[in-house]
Amino acid sequence: MEQNGDTNANDDSYSREEQEEALVALIEHRTREVQNLRQRLSYYKSQLEEAEKKLQGSESKLVRLRGKSNLVSSKNGIQNGTKSVKIEHRSTSPMGVNEGSSRNQQEPKPELLIPAVNPKISQPILLTGSSARVSIGSGSQASPSVSTQSTSGVKGKAEKSLRMSSEKDYSEVKDKGTKRKLEQKEHKELIPLTRSSTSPCIIRCHANSHIPSQHKRKLRSLSLCPVNDQLFATSALDGVVNFWQVQSRGSGASLLSTTDCASPKQRRWPEDIAWHPLGNSLFLVYTADAGDSQISVVDLNKSQGKDRVTFLPDKPHVKGIINSITFMPWENTCFVTGGSDHAVMLWSEKDTENVWKPKALHRNLHSSAVMGVAGMQQKQIILSAGADKRIFGYDAHVGRADFKHQIDSKCMSVLPNPCDFNLFMVQTGTPGRQLRLFDIRLRQTEIHAFGWKQESSESQSALINQAWSPDGLYIASGSADPMIHIFDIRCTAQKPSQSIRAHQKRVFKAVWLQSVPLLISISSDLNIGLHKIT
């Protein structure tokens, strides 16, 4: 009996110890969770205070502006012997359009905090040269309905009025320097938030719909207009560029116009596309082989036809595909191209309109193809990522390399964070660690890595690209599988925070809209995906 009593006492003692250890571990876990939540709460409180200050400042400016307008109108009315008329100022897209077009209205873009988004709807726009507008609704798989332009007198007057207003709006923002200064964003510290939480914030993404891309061959690129992200462009291997307008809060999209952009000699398709910062033109890059044209410009203010596409005469790349083009986020308008000839070229606009001259930043820093280029806000640093596993930061002001990273895998693209000017992401070829985050202030230091396992292929395709969410906290990536992978940079885990089955075949890219809670994706199944965020 005494032995049985000792055994029971020992069992009770072990049980208490196990319970105590479990409780201690649980308390430690919940303590970390509370600390993380407090840190995030503090961060969002500070963001709320900043947003409220900006709102108050904007409201004050609007009151002052309306006061001045009313005062001027009153004076003019008295001088002319007529009554004063209240003038309403509207913020519209500076996209210039010609006859037969209508105007797209756009309010100042609000900051997007995922997943809570306040959607905003723009009026339909019809770009110059499109003889018809194709409207495709949610989930439509059938042939789209085509509505041709009406010739009625009422609609003709309305279109003329809208055209005149659009031309006036475009002239108001033609001063590029002023426009660039107004568009500069404020820096936000997001790097301290990386790897700060063990669990991600899940985005509710549903109501997927697909529309035919209207391309005859596989899609290659997708890009949002920088002044109105409800306008976007797609390019494909058929050499055609299509311009689209998001409709009905993301439930559909309208095809606005189609432009043949194949190169003049080899009839090559565009390898990459980039919008001009004013949103009035689209720039495309091709190949340096066979003496073909390397850069073309689609001018959206010109009518459809040969005059709409201009091929720049300079051909600075010496061979191979030009893999990447991007405009720099600086006051002076310029763009950078990176090619398979190991070169990085800086193109600057001259005094004459649409005259661009290239300058070689470097040709020998990379020992293999330059796959991606990008610009950082501070110090005019130009990032280049190459298949030689090297990442360079080139100081364009000083004229030399500022830093170099050597990693363990080939690089295929580079993408700066839209909010934290010190943070950038590089896509690599390492399965399970395709995406790497770097702080530009730290040398050879990787602050986080993400990735996914591919079922359909072991190799990572350079045609698959990523996009930052407008708040800089999420990354959306295409994949060789028909999935969109989403990563929360605050989460310690390397695997995707969530994966959305988006298409029937590989997804090349998925981009976030700021004005509407929506993800837009392109795929080799020849469809464009519209994925609502709630």
Protein backbone atom coordinates (compact mmCIF):
# COMPACT_ATOMS: atom_id res chain seq x y z
CA MET A 1 0.00 0.00 0.00
CA GLU A 2 2.82 2.42 0.88
CA GLN A 3 4.55 1.62 -2.45
CA ASN A 4 1.36 2.32 -4.41
CA GLY A 5 1.00 5.62 -2.55
CA ASP A 6 4.57 6.64 -3.44
CA THR A 7 3.90 5.79 -7.10
CA ASN A 8 0.75 7.89 -7.18
CA ALA A 9 2.61 10.77 -5.56
CA ASN A 10 5.39 10.55 -8.16
CA ASP A 11 2.81 10.47 -10.98
CA ASP A 12 1.11 13.51 -9.54
CA SER A 13 4.49 15.27 -9.30
CA TYR A 14 5.36 14.49 -12.95
CA SER A 15 1.90 15.57 -14.03
CA ARG A 16 2.28 18.89 -12.23
CA GLU A 17 5.73 19.43 -13.77
CA GLU A 18 4.43 18.73 -17.27
CA GLN A 19 1.48 21.03 -16.72
CA GLU A 20 3.77 23.70 -15.37
CA GLU A 21 6.12 23.43 -18.38
CA ALA A 22 3.18 23.59 -20.75
CA LEU A 23 1.79 26.65 -19.02
CA VAL A 24 5.19 28.38 -19.02
CA ALA A 25 5.56 27.73 -22.75
CA LEU A 26 2.02 28.97 -23.37
CA ILE A 27 2.67 32.12 -21.35
CA GLU A 28 5.88 32.81 -23.29
CA HIS A 29 4.06 32.34 -26.58
CA ARG A 30 1.20 34.64 -25.57
CA THR A 31 3.65 37.21 -24.20
CA ARG A 32 5.36 37.37 -27.60
CA GLU A 33 1.97 37.59 -29.26
CA VAL A 34 0.94 40.50 -27.03
CA GLN A 35 4.23 42.28 -27.70
CA ASN A 36 3.82 41.87 -31.46
CA LEU A 37 0.24 43.13 -31.33
CA ARG A 38 1.27 46.11 -29.21
CA GLN A 39 4.01 46.94 -31.70
CA ARG A 40 1.59 46.74 -34.60
CA LEU A 41 -1.02 48.76 -32.71
CA SER A 42 1.55 51.47 -32.03
CA TYR A 43 2.56 51.48 -35.69
CA TYR A 44 -1.00 51.81 -36.97
CA LYS A 45 -1.79 54.52 -34.40
CA SER A 46 1.12 56.56 -35.73
CA GLN A 47 -0.05 55.90 -39.29
CA LEU A 48 -3.55 57.04 -38.34
CA GLU A 49 -2.21 60.26 -36.81
CA GLU A 50 -0.16 60.98 -39.96
CA ALA A 51 -3.16 60.26 -42.20
CA GLU A 52 -5.40 62.56 -40.12
CA LYS A 53 -2.84 65.37 -40.34
CA LYS A 54 -2.58 64.94 -44.12
CA LEU A 55 -6.37 64.92 -44.41
CA GLN A 56 -6.69 68.12 -42.39
CA GLY A 57 -3.96 69.77 -44.47
CA SER A 58 -5.66 68.77 -47.74
CA GLU A 59 -9.04 70.00 -46.50
CA SER A 60 -7.50 73.33 -45.50
CA LYS A 61 -5.88 73.71 -48.92
CA LEU A 62 -9.21 72.92 -50.61
CA VAL A 63 -11.01 75.55 -48.50
CA ARG A 64 -8.36 78.16 -49.35
CA LEU A 65 -8.44 77.21 -53.05
CA ARG A 66 -12.23 77.45 -53.23
CA GLY A 67 -12.11 80.77 -51.40
CA LYS A 68 -9.68 82.19 -53.95
CA SER A 69 -11.72 80.81 -56.86
CA ASN A 70 -14.94 82.28 -55.52
CA LEU A 71 -13.23 85.63 -54.97
CA VAL A 72 -11.86 85.71 -58.53
CA SER A 73 -15.22 84.67 -59.97
CA SER A 74 -17.02 87.36 -57.98
CA LYS A 75 -14.64 90.06 -59.24
CA ASN A 76 -15.02 88.93 -62.84
CA GLY A 77 -18.79 88.87 -62.49
CA ILE A 78 -18.88 92.41 -61.12
CA GLN A 79 -16.55 93.72 -63.82
CA ASN A 80 -18.61 92.11 -66.59
CA GLY A 81 -21.91 93.09 -65.07
CA THR A 82 -22.91 89.45 -64.63
CA LYS A 83 -23.49 87.18 -61.67
CA SER A 84 -20.56 85.19 -60.30
CA VAL A 85 -20.52 81.48 -61.03
CA LYS A 86 -19.17 78.88 -58.60
CA ILE A 87 -16.28 76.96 -60.14
CA GLU A 88 -15.69 73.34 -59.14
CA HIS A 89 -12.15 72.00 -59.59
CA ARG A 90 -11.95 68.30 -60.34
CA SER A 91 -8.88 66.14 -60.33
CA THR A 92 -8.79 64.19 -63.58
CA SER A 93 -6.41 61.86 -65.33
CA PRO A 94 -3.88 63.80 -67.45
CA MET A 95 -4.26 61.20 -70.20
CA GLY A 96 -4.72 63.32 -73.33
CA VAL A 97 -7.34 62.15 -75.82
CA ASN A 98 -8.43 63.27 -79.27
CA GLU A 99 -11.78 63.45 -81.03
CA GLY A 100 -14.18 60.60 -80.35
CA SER A 101 -12.84 60.09 -76.82
CA SER A 102 -14.32 60.56 -73.37
CA ARG A 103 -12.67 61.61 -70.14
CA ASN A 104 -11.70 59.53 -67.14
CA GLN A 105 -12.18 61.28 -63.80
CA GLN A 106 -9.81 60.42 -61.00
CA GLU A 107 -9.68 61.63 -57.43
CA PRO A 108 -6.45 61.76 -55.39
CA LYS A 109 -5.46 58.19 -54.56
CA PRO A 110 -6.02 57.13 -50.93
CA GLU A 111 -3.46 55.03 -49.14
CA LEU A 112 -4.43 51.38 -49.24
CA LEU A 113 -4.23 49.33 -46.08
CA ILE A 114 -4.78 45.66 -46.76
CA PRO A 115 -7.31 44.17 -46.33
CA ALA A 116 -9.55 47.17 -45.53
CA VAL A 117 -9.93 49.15 -48.74
CA ASN A 118 -12.32 51.92 -49.68
CA PRO A 119 -13.01 51.47 -53.38
CA LYS A 120 -13.34 54.33 -55.81
CA ILE A 121 -14.87 54.23 -59.26
CA SER A 122 -13.69 56.11 -62.33
CA GLN A 123 -15.86 57.02 -65.29
CA PRO A 124 -15.40 54.96 -68.47
CA ILE A 125 -12.73 56.20 -70.86
CA LEU A 126 -12.29 55.50 -74.55
CA LEU A 127 -8.78 55.94 -75.90
CA THR A 128 -8.05 57.49 -79.25
CA GLY A 129 -8.13 55.21 -82.24
CA SER A 130 -10.43 52.53 -80.85
CA SER A 131 -13.29 52.19 -83.26
CA ALA A 132 -15.12 50.03 -80.73
CA ARG A 133 -15.09 49.39 -77.03
CA VAL A 134 -15.41 45.83 -75.81
CA SER A 135 -17.16 45.55 -72.43
CA ILE A 136 -16.66 42.25 -70.64
CA GLY A 137 -18.55 41.51 -67.46
CA SER A 138 -17.77 39.43 -64.40
CA GLY A 139 -16.97 35.82 -65.09
CA SER A 140 -17.64 36.21 -68.78
CA GLN A 141 -16.28 33.41 -70.92
CA ALA A 142 -18.49 34.00 -73.95
CA SER A 143 -17.82 36.30 -76.87
CA PRO A 144 -17.79 39.89 -75.63
CA SER A 145 -20.42 42.36 -76.72
CA VAL A 146 -19.10 45.18 -78.89
CA SER A 147 -20.71 48.63 -78.87
CA THR A 148 -19.61 50.98 -81.66
CA GLN A 149 -19.38 54.73 -81.20
CA SER A 150 -22.67 56.54 -81.50
CA THR A 151 -23.05 59.35 -84.05
CA SER A 152 -26.07 60.94 -82.38
CA GLY A 153 -25.95 64.69 -81.86
CA VAL A 154 -26.34 64.48 -78.09
CA LYS A 155 -23.48 62.06 -77.60
CA GLY A 156 -21.35 63.98 -80.10
CA LYS A 157 -21.72 67.16 -78.05
CA ALA A 158 -20.92 65.30 -74.84
CA GLU A 159 -17.80 63.72 -76.35
CA LYS A 160 -16.63 67.10 -77.66
CA SER A 161 -17.07 68.65 -74.21
CA LEU A 162 -15.19 65.80 -72.53
CA ARG A 163 -12.40 66.00 -75.13
CA MET A 164 -11.92 69.72 -74.52
CA SER A 165 -11.83 69.16 -70.75
CA SER A 166 -9.27 66.36 -71.11
CA GLU A 167 -7.02 68.48 -73.31
CA LYS A 168 -7.22 71.28 -70.71
CA ASP A 169 -6.35 68.86 -67.89
CA TYR A 170 -3.37 67.51 -69.84
CA SER A 171 -2.01 71.02 -70.50
CA GLU A 172 -2.21 71.78 -66.78
CA VAL A 173 0.18 68.92 -65.91
CA LYS A 174 2.53 69.28 -68.87
CA ASP A 175 5.14 70.84 -66.57
CA LYS A 176 6.93 67.55 -65.84
CA GLY A 177 9.13 68.89 -63.03
CA THR A 178 6.19 70.18 -61.01
CA LYS A 179 4.22 67.00 -61.63
CA ARG A 180 7.08 64.78 -60.47
CA LYS A 181 7.51 66.77 -57.26
CA LEU A 182 3.81 66.46 -56.46
CA GLU A 183 3.89 62.68 -56.93
CA GLN A 184 6.81 61.98 -54.60
CA LYS A 185 5.74 59.78 -51.71
CA GLU A 186 6.71 59.96 -48.08
CA HIS A 187 9.10 57.41 -46.63
CA LYS A 188 7.68 54.89 -44.14
CA GLU A 189 9.72 52.59 -41.92
CA LEU A 190 8.58 49.07 -42.77
CA ILE A 191 11.86 47.21 -42.30
CA PRO A 192 11.42 47.03 -38.48
CA LEU A 193 8.11 45.25 -39.10
CA THR A 194 9.65 42.42 -41.13
CA ARG A 195 9.57 39.05 -39.31
CA SER A 196 7.73 40.66 -36.40
CA SER A 197 4.83 38.19 -36.29
CA THR A 198 4.48 34.42 -36.28
CA SER A 199 1.11 34.55 -38.04
CA PRO A 200 0.25 36.47 -41.23
CA CYS A 201 -2.67 38.82 -41.79
CA ILE A 202 -4.84 36.99 -44.30
CA ILE A 203 -6.37 38.88 -47.22
CA ARG A 204 -9.88 37.88 -48.18
CA CYS A 205 -9.77 37.45 -51.93
CA HIS A 206 -12.78 36.00 -53.74
CA ALA A 207 -15.21 36.44 -56.62
CA ASN A 208 -12.58 35.67 -59.23
CA SER A 209 -13.59 36.42 -62.79
CA HIS A 210 -11.74 35.93 -66.06
CA ILE A 211 -11.94 37.83 -69.33
CA PRO A 212 -10.35 36.93 -72.68
CA SER A 213 -7.16 38.93 -73.21
CA GLN A 214 -7.95 39.45 -76.92
CA HIS A 215 -4.33 38.42 -77.66
CA LYS A 216 -3.64 35.66 -80.20
CA ARG A 217 -0.48 34.42 -78.49
CA LYS A 218 0.76 34.12 -74.91
CA LEU A 219 0.82 37.24 -72.76
CA ARG A 220 4.15 38.71 -71.76
CA SER A 221 3.65 41.91 -69.71
CA LEU A 222 1.09 43.71 -67.54
CA SER A 223 1.48 47.31 -66.34
CA LEU A 224 -0.78 49.80 -64.52
CA CYS A 225 -1.04 53.44 -65.55
CA PRO A 226 0.80 55.54 -62.90
CA VAL A 227 -1.79 58.35 -62.80
CA ASN A 228 -4.90 56.14 -62.93
CA ASP A 229 -4.41 52.53 -61.96
CA GLN A 230 -7.81 51.54 -63.35
CA LEU A 231 -6.15 51.85 -66.77
CA PHE A 232 -3.71 49.07 -67.60
CA ALA A 233 -1.84 47.69 -70.60
CA THR A 234 -1.05 44.13 -71.64
CA SER A 235 1.44 42.91 -74.25
CA ALA A 236 1.92 39.48 -75.80
CA LEU A 237 3.96 37.45 -78.25
CA ASP A 238 1.66 38.59 -81.05
CA GLY A 239 3.35 42.03 -80.88
CA VAL A 240 0.09 43.71 -79.90
CA VAL A 241 -0.48 46.02 -76.92
CA ASN A 242 -4.02 46.25 -75.52
CA PHE A 243 -5.24 49.08 -73.28
CA TRP A 244 -7.92 48.30 -70.71
CA GLN A 245 -10.25 50.09 -68.28
CA VAL A 246 -11.45 48.46 -65.04
CA GLN A 247 -15.24 48.69 -64.69
CA SER A 248 -17.93 48.15 -62.05
CA ARG A 249 -15.66 48.04 -59.01
CA GLY A 250 -13.52 45.33 -60.52
CA SER A 251 -16.24 42.99 -61.75
CA GLY A 252 -15.27 43.57 -65.37
CA ALA A 253 -12.94 45.39 -67.75
CA SER A 254 -13.33 47.15 -71.09
CA LEU A 255 -10.92 46.86 -73.98
CA LEU A 256 -10.22 50.46 -74.98
CA SER A 257 -7.83 50.10 -77.90
CA THR A 258 -5.43 47.74 -79.64
CA THR A 259 -2.08 48.79 -81.14
CA ASP A 260 0.33 46.76 -83.28
CA CYS A 261 3.76 47.35 -81.71
CA ALA A 262 5.87 44.68 -83.46
CA SER A 263 9.36 45.90 -84.35
CA PRO A 264 9.76 47.10 -87.97
CA LYS A 265 12.50 44.70 -89.17
CA GLN A 266 12.18 41.40 -87.35
CA ARG A 267 8.53 41.85 -86.28
CA ARG A 268 9.60 41.11 -82.72
CA TRP A 269 7.22 41.43 -79.78
CA PRO A 270 7.92 43.77 -76.80
CA GLU A 271 9.96 42.07 -74.08
CA ASP A 272 8.92 44.56 -71.38
CA ILE A 273 6.75 47.68 -71.07
CA ALA A 274 6.69 50.77 -68.83
CA TRP A 275 4.34 53.75 -68.59
CA HIS A 276 5.65 57.30 -68.78
CA PRO A 277 5.17 58.91 -65.33
CA LEU A 278 2.56 61.30 -66.80
CA GLY A 279 0.55 58.35 -68.11
CA ASN A 280 0.29 59.75 -71.65
CA SER A 281 2.55 57.20 -73.37
CA LEU A 282 3.86 53.66 -73.07
CA PHE A 283 7.50 52.63 -73.65
CA LEU A 284 8.49 49.19 -74.95
CA VAL A 285 11.81 47.35 -75.32
CA TYR A 286 12.77 44.67 -77.85
CA THR A 287 16.08 43.07 -78.86
CA ALA A 288 19.47 44.33 -80.02
CA ASP A 289 19.95 41.57 -82.62
CA ALA A 290 19.87 42.06 -86.42
CA GLY A 291 20.00 45.86 -86.12
CA ASP A 292 16.32 46.05 -85.18
CA SER A 293 14.82 48.96 -83.24
CA GLN A 294 15.33 48.67 -79.49
CA ILE A 295 12.80 51.14 -78.02
CA SER A 296 9.32 52.20 -79.16
CA VAL A 297 6.89 54.76 -77.75
CA VAL A 298 3.10 54.48 -78.01
CA ASP A 299 1.69 58.02 -77.87
CA LEU A 300 -1.87 57.83 -76.52
CA ASN A 301 -2.62 61.37 -77.69
CA LYS A 302 -2.34 60.38 -81.34
CA SER A 303 -4.82 58.57 -83.51
CA GLN A 304 -4.52 54.89 -84.30
CA GLY A 305 -2.03 54.04 -87.05
CA LYS A 306 1.65 54.28 -87.81
CA ASP A 307 1.95 57.75 -86.26
CA ARG A 308 0.90 56.40 -82.88
CA VAL A 309 4.01 54.19 -82.51
CA THR A 310 7.45 55.81 -82.75
CA PHE A 311 10.70 53.81 -82.80
CA LEU A 312 13.68 55.61 -81.25
CA PRO A 313 16.68 55.79 -83.59
CA ASP A 314 19.42 55.09 -81.00
CA LYS A 315 20.50 51.45 -80.52
CA PRO A 316 22.95 51.39 -77.58
CA HIS A 317 22.61 47.69 -76.65
CA VAL A 318 24.93 45.56 -78.77
CA LYS A 319 23.31 42.11 -78.71
CA GLY A 320 20.63 39.92 -77.21
CA ILE A 321 17.28 40.63 -75.61
CA ILE A 322 16.64 43.83 -73.66
CA ASN A 323 15.10 42.28 -70.57
CA SER A 324 13.88 45.21 -68.51
CA ILE A 325 12.75 48.84 -68.73
CA THR A 326 11.65 51.10 -65.88
CA PHE A 327 11.30 54.82 -65.22
CA MET A 328 13.27 56.30 -62.34
CA PRO A 329 11.36 57.80 -59.38
CA TRP A 330 13.23 61.10 -59.66
CA GLU A 331 12.34 64.66 -60.51
CA ASN A 332 14.07 64.55 -63.90
CA THR A 333 12.22 62.16 -66.18
CA CYS A 334 14.43 59.28 -67.36
CA PHE A 335 14.32 55.52 -67.73
CA VAL A 336 16.80 52.66 -67.52
CA THR A 337 17.14 49.50 -69.61
CA GLY A 338 19.07 46.32 -68.85
CA GLY A 339 20.04 43.77 -71.47
CA SER A 340 21.60 40.43 -72.24
CA ASP A 341 24.76 42.28 -73.35
CA HIS A 342 25.53 42.89 -69.62
CA ALA A 343 24.83 46.62 -70.07
CA VAL A 344 22.70 49.09 -68.11
CA MET A 345 21.68 52.18 -70.10
CA LEU A 346 20.20 55.46 -68.81
CA TRP A 347 17.86 57.26 -71.24
CA SER A 348 17.23 61.00 -70.67
CA GLU A 349 14.67 63.20 -72.38
CA LYS A 350 16.05 66.17 -74.31
CA ASP A 351 14.45 69.56 -74.79
CA THR A 352 12.68 68.41 -77.95
CA GLU A 353 9.57 66.41 -77.15
CA ASN A 354 9.94 62.63 -77.42
CA VAL A 355 13.69 62.80 -78.11
CA TRP A 356 15.56 60.43 -75.81
CA LYS A 357 19.32 59.94 -75.65
CA PRO A 358 21.01 56.91 -74.05
CA LYS A 359 24.10 56.89 -71.85
CA ALA A 360 25.94 53.73 -70.75
CA LEU A 361 26.03 53.54 -66.94
CA HIS A 362 28.07 50.34 -67.00
CA ARG A 363 28.77 47.48 -69.39
CA ASN A 364 31.23 45.32 -67.45
CA LEU A 365 30.03 45.16 -63.84
CA HIS A 366 27.88 42.15 -64.69
CA SER A 367 29.44 39.09 -66.29
CA SER A 368 26.10 37.82 -67.62
CA ALA A 369 22.69 39.10 -68.69
CA VAL A 370 21.12 41.95 -66.71
CA MET A 371 17.65 40.62 -65.96
CA GLY A 372 16.14 43.47 -63.93
CA VAL A 373 16.68 47.19 -63.27
CA ALA A 374 15.04 49.63 -60.86
CA GLY A 375 15.57 53.03 -59.26
CA MET A 376 15.66 53.96 -55.57
CA GLN A 377 14.40 57.28 -54.26
CA GLN A 378 17.47 58.31 -52.30
CA LYS A 379 20.87 59.26 -53.75
CA GLN A 380 19.71 58.31 -57.29
CA ILE A 381 20.73 54.68 -56.84
CA ILE A 382 20.04 52.39 -59.81
CA LEU A 383 19.68 48.70 -58.93
CA SER A 384 20.57 45.97 -61.42
CA ALA A 385 20.16 42.22 -60.91
CA GLY A 386 21.88 39.71 -63.17
CA ALA A 387 22.02 36.06 -64.10
CA ASP A 388 25.60 36.18 -62.75
CA LYS A 389 24.13 36.12 -59.19
CA ARG A 390 25.16 39.75 -58.63
CA ILE A 391 23.15 42.74 -57.44
CA PHE A 392 24.64 46.18 -57.99
CA GLY A 393 23.62 49.55 -56.64
CA TYR A 394 24.98 52.18 -59.01
CA ASP A 395 25.16 55.83 -57.90
CA ALA A 396 24.14 57.77 -61.03
CA HIS A 397 25.12 61.09 -59.45
CA VAL A 398 28.68 60.03 -58.57
CA GLY A 399 29.10 57.71 -61.55
CA ARG A 400 30.28 54.54 -59.81
CA ALA A 401 29.00 51.43 -58.05
CA ASP A 402 27.82 52.14 -54.51
CA PHE A 403 27.49 48.51 -53.40
CA LYS A 404 27.52 44.93 -54.66
CA HIS A 405 25.76 41.82 -53.37
CA GLN A 406 26.87 38.34 -54.41
CA ILE A 407 24.21 35.72 -53.66
CA ASP A 408 23.90 31.97 -54.18
CA SER A 409 21.53 31.96 -57.14
CA LYS A 410 20.87 33.80 -60.40
CA CYS A 411 18.74 36.92 -60.15
CA MET A 412 15.79 37.55 -62.44
CA SER A 413 14.22 40.80 -61.28
CA VAL A 414 14.50 43.56 -58.69
CA LEU A 415 11.64 45.60 -57.21
CA PRO A 416 11.86 48.48 -54.67
CA ASN A 417 9.24 48.79 -51.94
CA PRO A 418 6.74 51.59 -52.67
CA CYS A 419 6.74 52.93 -49.09
CA ASP A 420 10.07 52.12 -47.43
CA PHE A 421 12.75 53.65 -49.65
CA ASN A 422 15.49 51.46 -48.10
CA LEU A 423 13.76 48.15 -48.82
CA PHE A 424 13.94 46.20 -52.07
CA MET A 425 13.17 42.68 -53.24
CA VAL A 426 15.11 40.43 -55.62
CA GLN A 427 13.68 37.38 -57.37
CA THR A 428 16.11 34.45 -57.52
CA GLY A 429 16.16 30.96 -58.97
CA THR A 430 16.31 29.06 -55.65
CA PRO A 431 13.18 26.90 -55.11
CA GLY A 432 11.61 27.65 -51.74
CA ARG A 433 13.59 30.93 -51.43
CA GLN A 434 12.73 32.73 -54.66
CA LEU A 435 12.16 36.14 -53.05
CA ARG A 436 14.84 37.92 -50.99
CA LEU A 437 14.48 41.20 -49.08
CA PHE A 438 17.42 43.58 -48.67
CA ASP A 439 18.07 46.84 -46.81
CA ILE A 440 20.03 49.19 -49.06
CA ARG A 441 21.92 50.53 -46.00
CA LEU A 442 23.29 47.10 -45.05
CA ARG A 443 26.05 45.34 -46.95
CA GLN A 444 25.61 41.70 -47.91
CA THR A 445 22.72 41.31 -45.45
CA GLU A 446 19.52 39.51 -46.37
CA ILE A 447 16.76 40.52 -43.96
CA HIS A 448 14.13 38.01 -45.08
CA ALA A 449 13.45 35.33 -47.70
CA PHE A 450 10.26 33.78 -49.07
CA GLY A 451 9.45 31.09 -51.55
CA TRP A 452 7.25 28.27 -52.71
CA LYS A 453 7.52 24.75 -54.05
CA GLN A 454 6.74 24.30 -57.73
CA GLU A 455 4.89 21.22 -58.85
CA SER A 456 5.01 21.72 -62.62
CA SER A 457 8.68 22.74 -62.98
CA GLU A 458 11.90 22.76 -61.01
CA SER A 459 13.37 25.82 -62.74
CA GLN A 460 12.23 29.35 -62.01
CA SER A 461 11.04 31.27 -65.09
CA ALA A 462 12.16 34.86 -65.62
CA LEU A 463 8.73 35.55 -67.13
CA ILE A 464 7.15 35.18 -63.70
CA ASN A 465 7.16 38.46 -61.79
CA GLN A 466 6.08 40.02 -58.51
CA ALA A 467 4.31 43.16 -57.34
CA TRP A 468 4.17 45.05 -54.02
CA SER A 469 0.85 45.97 -52.43
CA PRO A 470 0.31 49.76 -52.22
CA ASP A 471 0.99 49.74 -48.46
CA GLY A 472 4.28 47.87 -48.97
CA LEU A 473 3.43 45.02 -46.59
CA TYR A 474 2.51 42.29 -49.08
CA ILE A 475 4.04 40.74 -52.18
CA ALA A 476 2.00 39.02 -54.87
CA SER A 477 3.84 36.58 -57.13
CA GLY A 478 2.90 34.54 -60.13
CA SER A 479 4.07 30.95 -60.39
CA ALA A 480 4.62 28.12 -62.85
CA ASP A 481 1.57 26.53 -61.23
CA PRO A 482 -1.80 28.24 -61.82
CA MET A 483 -1.51 30.06 -58.49
CA ILE A 484 -1.00 33.56 -57.12
CA HIS A 485 1.20 33.38 -54.03
CA ILE A 486 0.87 36.18 -51.46
CA PHE A 487 3.50 36.91 -48.81
CA ASP A 488 3.17 39.06 -45.68
CA ILE A 489 6.64 40.51 -45.01
CA ARG A 490 5.79 40.80 -41.28
CA CYS A 491 5.44 37.03 -40.97
CA THR A 492 8.46 34.97 -39.93
CA ALA A 493 7.45 32.01 -42.12
CA GLN A 494 9.09 31.60 -45.53
CA LYS A 495 6.13 29.90 -47.21
CA PRO A 496 3.26 31.87 -48.77
CA SER A 497 0.80 33.47 -46.39
CA GLN A 498 -1.88 32.27 -48.79
CA SER A 499 -2.18 30.92 -52.33
CA ILE A 500 -5.02 31.70 -54.71
CA ARG A 501 -5.87 29.34 -57.55
CA ALA A 502 -6.27 31.95 -60.25
CA HIS A 503 -5.93 30.39 -63.73
CA GLN A 504 -5.76 27.16 -65.69
CA LYS A 505 -2.07 27.58 -66.60
CA ARG A 506 0.97 29.40 -65.23
CA VAL A 507 0.47 32.89 -63.83
CA PHE A 508 2.98 35.43 -65.10
CA LYS A 509 2.10 38.37 -62.85
CA ALA A 510 -0.52 39.74 -60.44
CA VAL A 511 -0.66 43.47 -59.66
CA TRP A 512 -2.51 45.40 -56.93
CA LEU A 513 -4.79 48.36 -57.59
CA GLN A 514 -4.87 51.19 -55.08
CA SER A 515 -8.10 52.87 -56.16
CA VAL A 516 -10.11 49.63 -56.21
CA PRO A 517 -9.67 46.57 -53.92
CA LEU A 518 -8.54 44.31 -56.73
CA LEU A 519 -5.75 42.07 -58.02
CA ILE A 520 -5.28 41.79 -61.79
CA SER A 521 -3.37 38.81 -63.19
CA ILE A 522 -2.22 37.51 -66.58
CA SER A 523 -1.64 33.90 -67.52
CA SER A 524 -0.52 31.67 -70.38
CA ASP A 525 -4.16 30.52 -70.60
CA LEU A 526 -4.71 33.82 -72.54
CA ASN A 527 -7.05 35.19 -69.87
CA ILE A 528 -6.90 38.22 -67.59
CA GLY A 529 -7.95 37.49 -64.02
CA LEU A 530 -9.83 39.96 -61.79
CA HIS A 531 -9.68 39.01 -58.11
CA LYS A 532 -11.67 41.09 -55.62
CA ILE A 533 -10.28 41.86 -52.16
CA THR A 534 -12.70 42.33 -49.26
